Amino acid sequence: ERLVENFILPTTEVGDTVLDPYMGSGTTAIVAMKHGRRFFGIEKDPEYFELCCRRIRELEESIEET
């Protein structure tokens, strides 16, 4: 995640939208959410899409618990 932060944080502000056309496991989405950015992602591989959705749900649940 640290590497992705190095790209997202200096080039966006809180509330901005980050586009990831090749989401893979969703690291960009996770970093965006953790730092108050919105995101739009595209993933054609169903397995990676499910993995990304699971990671996003887990992050949302952990945020709700705090």
C-alpha atoms as a PDB file:
ATOM      1  CA  GLU A   1       0.000   0.000   0.000  1.00  0.00           C
ATOM      2  CA  ARG A   2       2.872   2.373   0.704  1.00  0.00           C
ATOM      3  CA  LEU A   3       3.922   2.476  -2.939  1.00  0.00           C
ATOM      4  CA  VAL A   4       0.401   3.370  -4.062  1.00  0.00           C
ATOM      5  CA  GLU A   5       0.226   6.070  -1.370  1.00  0.00           C
ATOM      6  CA  ASN A   6       3.327   7.611  -2.929  1.00  0.00           C
ATOM      7  CA  PHE A   7       1.331   8.169  -6.131  1.00  0.00           C
ATOM      8  CA  ILE A   8      -2.091   9.059  -4.761  1.00  0.00           C
ATOM      9  CA  LEU A   9      -1.331  11.390  -1.855  1.00  0.00           C
ATOM     10  CA  PRO A  10       0.859  13.958  -3.658  1.00  0.00           C
ATOM     11  CA  THR A  11      -1.425  14.151  -6.694  1.00  0.00           C
ATOM     12  CA  THR A  12      -4.895  14.256  -5.093  1.00  0.00           C
ATOM     13  CA  GLU A  13      -6.741  15.956  -2.279  1.00  0.00           C
ATOM     14  CA  VAL A  14      -9.359  14.680   0.155  1.00  0.00           C
ATOM     15  CA  GLY A  15     -12.627  14.278  -1.737  1.00  0.00           C
ATOM     16  CA  ASP A  16     -10.974  13.781  -5.136  1.00  0.00           C
ATOM     17  CA  THR A  17     -11.802  10.722  -7.234  1.00  0.00           C
ATOM     18  CA  VAL A  18      -9.106   8.216  -8.181  1.00  0.00           C
ATOM     19  CA  LEU A  19      -9.532   6.084 -11.320  1.00  0.00           C
ATOM     20  CA  ASP A  20      -8.012   2.611 -11.504  1.00  0.00           C
ATOM     21  CA  PRO A  21      -8.829   0.937 -14.839  1.00  0.00           C
ATOM     22  CA  TYR A  22      -7.042  -2.296 -13.815  1.00  0.00           C
ATOM     23  CA  MET A  23      -8.074  -2.807 -10.179  1.00  0.00           C
ATOM     24  CA  GLY A  24      -6.563  -6.216  -9.581  1.00  0.00           C
ATOM     25  CA  SER A  25      -6.746  -6.880  -5.837  1.00  0.00           C
ATOM     26  CA  GLY A  26      -7.982  -3.353  -5.096  1.00  0.00           C
ATOM     27  CA  THR A  27      -4.978  -1.775  -3.423  1.00  0.00           C
ATOM     28  CA  THR A  28      -5.611   1.582  -5.095  1.00  0.00           C
ATOM     29  CA  ALA A  29      -9.228   1.540  -3.922  1.00  0.00           C
ATOM     30  CA  ILE A  30      -8.172   0.690  -0.360  1.00  0.00           C
ATOM     31  CA  VAL A  31      -5.589   3.469  -0.236  1.00  0.00           C
ATOM     32  CA  ALA A  32      -8.065   5.955  -1.700  1.00  0.00           C
ATOM     33  CA  MET A  33     -10.690   5.062   0.906  1.00  0.00           C
ATOM     34  CA  LYS A  34      -8.232   5.191   3.813  1.00  0.00           C
ATOM     35  CA  HIS A  35      -7.204   8.703   2.812  1.00  0.00           C
ATOM     36  CA  GLY A  36     -10.616  10.218   2.113  1.00  0.00           C
ATOM     37  CA  ARG A  37     -10.580   9.889  -1.645  1.00  0.00           C
ATOM     38  CA  ARG A  38     -13.363   8.411  -3.732  1.00  0.00           C
ATOM     39  CA  PHE A  39     -12.491   5.863  -6.370  1.00  0.00           C
ATOM     40  CA  PHE A  40     -13.768   4.373  -9.579  1.00  0.00           C
ATOM     41  CA  GLY A  41     -12.339   1.027 -10.560  1.00  0.00           C
ATOM     42  CA  ILE A  42     -12.636  -1.403 -13.435  1.00  0.00           C
ATOM     43  CA  GLU A  43     -11.694  -5.092 -13.305  1.00  0.00           C
ATOM     44  CA  LYS A  44     -12.678  -7.693 -15.905  1.00  0.00           C
ATOM     45  CA  ASP A  45     -11.319 -10.785 -14.131  1.00  0.00           C
ATOM     46  CA  PRO A  46     -14.122 -12.149 -11.917  1.00  0.00           C
ATOM     47  CA  GLU A  47     -11.718 -13.590  -9.340  1.00  0.00           C
ATOM     48  CA  TYR A  48      -9.870 -10.320  -8.861  1.00  0.00           C
ATOM     49  CA  PHE A  49     -13.161  -8.435  -8.846  1.00  0.00           C
ATOM     50  CA  GLU A  50     -14.463 -10.613  -5.995  1.00  0.00           C
ATOM     51  CA  LEU A  51     -11.184 -10.221  -4.093  1.00  0.00           C
ATOM     52  CA  CYS A  52     -11.341  -6.449  -4.460  1.00  0.00           C
ATOM     53  CA  CYS A  53     -14.981  -6.334  -3.338  1.00  0.00           C
ATOM     54  CA  ARG A  54     -14.142  -8.434  -0.278  1.00  0.00           C
ATOM     55  CA  ARG A  55     -11.253  -6.154   0.688  1.00  0.00           C
ATOM     56  CA  ILE A  56     -13.437  -3.062   0.296  1.00  0.00           C
ATOM     57  CA  ARG A  57     -16.216  -4.606   2.426  1.00  0.00           C
ATOM     58  CA  GLU A  58     -13.702  -5.519   5.139  1.00  0.00           C
ATOM     59  CA  LEU A  59     -12.357  -1.963   5.201  1.00  0.00           C
ATOM     60  CA  GLU A  60     -15.874  -0.506   5.330  1.00  0.00           C
ATOM     61  CA  GLU A  61     -16.727  -2.832   8.234  1.00  0.00           C
ATOM     62  CA  SER A  62     -13.587  -1.858  10.140  1.00  0.00           C
ATOM     63  CA  ILE A  63     -14.404   1.835   9.632  1.00  0.00           C
ATOM     64  CA  GLU A  64     -17.953   1.309  10.901  1.00  0.00           C
ATOM     65  CA  GLU A  65     -16.637  -0.388  14.055  1.00  0.00           C
ATOM     66  CA  THR A  66     -14.585   2.653  15.052  1.00  0.00           C
END
